[in-house]
Amino acid sequence: MQERDRLSKLLAEQVRSLNRHLAIERLSLKELLEQRRPAVMLRDGVRHHFRRSELEMLSRLLPERMHPRLYLPIYIELSSDRFGTGTARISGRAECEVVARLLGRKVAGDELFIYRPEIQLIRRELPTTTQYMFTTSLNEAEGR
């Protein structure tokens, strides 16, 4: 059992390392549109800037009342042990709505599964307002 615990801790550390590019705090679309140079600080200490053109596209895809509820960057959650290879999850009602609209899909709820060709399209259209987030079932077991 100790070997398994050691391997679990090692894997958890590797996943944390993979996610060092994530934002310390995500900001709403409304907040970012009000900034002169829209940006967030990342866990690795780098300042991540958003393209204004992407923010404006997102503002057109969502009703204005939802701008305070869309938090950026949108995380594209990858977890091959939970979702399978080539599948990703988008979480959050506003986040799902904007991604679904971009893909021409309907969504009901706060979770949307997207697949490799859709992931590629989303990243191509929204390179600065989306980020990959890596997870494993181990993250949930540890409360992360």
Protein backbone atom coordinates (compact mmCIF):
# COMPACT_ATOMS: atom_id res chain seq x y z
CA MET A 1 0.00 0.00 0.00
CA GLN A 2 2.88 2.40 0.71
CA GLU A 3 4.14 2.00 -2.86
CA ARG A 4 0.68 2.89 -4.18
CA ASP A 5 0.52 5.97 -1.93
CA ARG A 6 3.96 7.05 -3.12
CA LEU A 7 2.96 6.63 -6.78
CA SER A 8 -0.29 8.51 -6.17
CA LYS A 9 1.61 11.42 -4.64
CA LEU A 10 4.07 11.41 -7.53
CA LEU A 11 1.24 11.45 -10.08
CA ALA A 12 -0.53 14.26 -8.21
CA GLU A 13 2.68 16.30 -8.26
CA GLN A 14 3.09 15.70 -12.00
CA VAL A 15 -0.48 16.89 -12.66
CA ARG A 16 0.14 20.02 -10.54
CA SER A 17 3.26 20.67 -12.60
CA LEU A 18 1.30 20.29 -15.84
CA ASN A 19 -1.20 22.88 -14.57
CA ARG A 20 1.29 25.55 -13.48
CA HIS A 21 0.15 27.62 -16.49
CA LEU A 22 -3.38 28.07 -15.07
CA ALA A 23 -4.66 31.39 -13.76
CA ILE A 24 -4.34 32.16 -10.06
CA GLU A 25 -7.72 33.84 -10.35
CA ARG A 26 -9.97 33.88 -13.38
CA LEU A 27 -11.74 37.14 -14.20
CA SER A 28 -15.17 37.69 -15.71
CA LEU A 29 -15.64 38.78 -19.30
CA LYS A 30 -17.18 42.00 -17.96
CA GLU A 31 -14.09 42.76 -15.85
CA LEU A 32 -11.69 41.98 -18.69
CA LEU A 33 -13.57 44.17 -21.18
CA GLU A 34 -13.15 47.08 -18.76
CA GLN A 35 -9.36 46.66 -18.59
CA ARG A 36 -7.08 48.61 -20.92
CA ARG A 37 -4.77 45.57 -21.31
CA PRO A 38 -6.88 42.56 -20.27
CA ALA A 39 -4.77 39.99 -18.41
CA VAL A 40 -4.61 37.54 -15.53
CA MET A 41 -1.66 36.33 -13.46
CA LEU A 42 -0.73 32.66 -13.84
CA ARG A 43 0.47 30.26 -11.15
CA ASP A 44 3.93 30.21 -12.71
CA GLY A 45 4.23 34.00 -12.24
CA VAL A 46 3.65 34.93 -15.89
CA ARG A 47 1.08 37.55 -16.86
CA HIS A 48 -1.31 36.14 -19.50
CA HIS A 49 -2.83 38.71 -21.88
CA PHE A 50 -6.11 38.24 -23.71
CA ARG A 51 -6.68 39.41 -27.27
CA ARG A 52 -9.34 42.08 -27.28
CA SER A 53 -10.77 40.62 -30.52
CA GLU A 54 -11.47 37.33 -28.70
CA LEU A 55 -13.11 39.12 -25.79
CA GLU A 56 -15.30 41.04 -28.20
CA MET A 57 -16.26 37.82 -30.02
CA LEU A 58 -17.25 36.25 -26.71
CA SER A 59 -19.27 39.35 -25.80
CA ARG A 60 -21.24 38.95 -29.05
CA LEU A 61 -21.89 35.24 -28.41
CA LEU A 62 -23.41 35.82 -24.97
CA PRO A 63 -26.18 38.13 -23.79
CA GLU A 64 -24.74 41.07 -21.84
CA ARG A 65 -26.41 39.87 -18.63
CA MET A 66 -24.12 36.79 -18.76
CA HIS A 67 -20.84 38.73 -19.18
CA PRO A 68 -20.28 38.85 -15.39
CA ARG A 69 -20.78 35.05 -15.22
CA LEU A 70 -18.31 34.02 -17.93
CA TYR A 71 -14.93 33.49 -16.28
CA LEU A 72 -11.79 33.49 -18.38
CA PRO A 73 -9.77 31.72 -19.42
CA ILE A 74 -12.24 28.93 -20.18
CA TYR A 75 -10.70 25.66 -19.06
CA ILE A 76 -10.73 22.71 -21.43
CA GLU A 77 -10.43 19.87 -18.94
CA LEU A 78 -8.53 16.82 -20.20
CA SER A 79 -8.62 13.56 -18.22
CA SER A 80 -8.07 10.39 -20.21
CA ASP A 81 -8.78 8.17 -17.19
CA ARG A 82 -12.17 9.86 -16.62
CA PHE A 83 -13.40 10.99 -20.05
CA GLY A 84 -11.37 8.85 -22.44
CA THR A 85 -8.78 9.88 -24.99
CA GLY A 86 -9.82 12.76 -27.22
CA THR A 87 -12.65 13.92 -24.97
CA ALA A 88 -12.66 17.10 -22.87
CA ARG A 89 -15.08 18.77 -20.49
CA ILE A 90 -16.14 22.39 -20.25
CA SER A 91 -17.66 23.36 -16.90
CA GLY A 92 -19.82 26.33 -15.93
CA ARG A 93 -23.13 27.45 -17.41
CA ALA A 94 -21.81 30.56 -19.21
CA GLU A 95 -18.66 28.74 -20.34
CA CYS A 96 -20.72 25.87 -21.78
CA GLU A 97 -23.12 28.24 -23.48
CA VAL A 98 -20.41 30.21 -25.27
CA VAL A 99 -18.54 27.07 -26.39
CA ALA A 100 -21.77 25.42 -27.56
CA ARG A 101 -22.72 28.52 -29.57
CA LEU A 102 -19.30 28.61 -31.18
CA LEU A 103 -19.70 24.95 -32.14
CA GLY A 104 -23.32 25.32 -33.25
CA ARG A 105 -24.49 22.93 -30.53
CA LYS A 106 -27.22 23.12 -27.94
CA VAL A 107 -26.40 22.81 -24.27
CA ALA A 108 -28.54 22.41 -21.19
CA GLY A 109 -26.68 22.68 -17.93
CA ASP A 110 -23.25 23.48 -16.66
CA GLU A 111 -21.23 20.65 -18.22
CA LEU A 112 -20.39 20.06 -21.89
CA PHE A 113 -18.27 17.28 -23.35
CA ILE A 114 -16.39 18.10 -26.52
CA TYR A 115 -14.27 15.93 -28.78
CA ARG A 116 -10.90 16.27 -30.52
CA PRO A 117 -12.10 18.10 -33.70
CA GLU A 118 -14.17 20.48 -31.55
CA ILE A 119 -11.27 21.01 -29.15
CA GLN A 120 -9.07 21.97 -32.10
CA LEU A 121 -11.70 24.40 -33.41
CA ILE A 122 -12.15 26.04 -30.00
CA ARG A 123 -8.39 26.46 -29.52
CA ARG A 124 -8.01 27.86 -33.04
CA GLU A 125 -10.82 30.40 -32.53
CA LEU A 126 -10.03 31.25 -28.89
CA PRO A 127 -6.28 30.74 -28.34
CA THR A 128 -5.89 33.33 -25.56
CA THR A 129 -9.25 32.86 -23.83
CA THR A 130 -9.03 29.07 -23.42
CA GLN A 131 -6.49 26.89 -21.62
CA TYR A 132 -6.00 23.17 -21.15
CA MET A 133 -6.43 21.88 -17.61
CA PHE A 134 -5.19 18.38 -16.84
CA THR A 135 -6.94 16.24 -14.23
CA THR A 136 -7.06 12.62 -13.10
CA SER A 137 -9.50 10.70 -10.95
CA LEU A 138 -6.76 10.96 -8.34
CA ASN A 139 -7.32 14.75 -8.18
CA GLU A 140 -10.93 14.21 -7.05
CA ALA A 141 -9.97 11.58 -4.50
CA GLU A 142 -7.55 14.05 -2.94
CA GLY A 143 -10.04 16.94 -3.07
CA ARG A 144 -8.21 18.92 -5.77
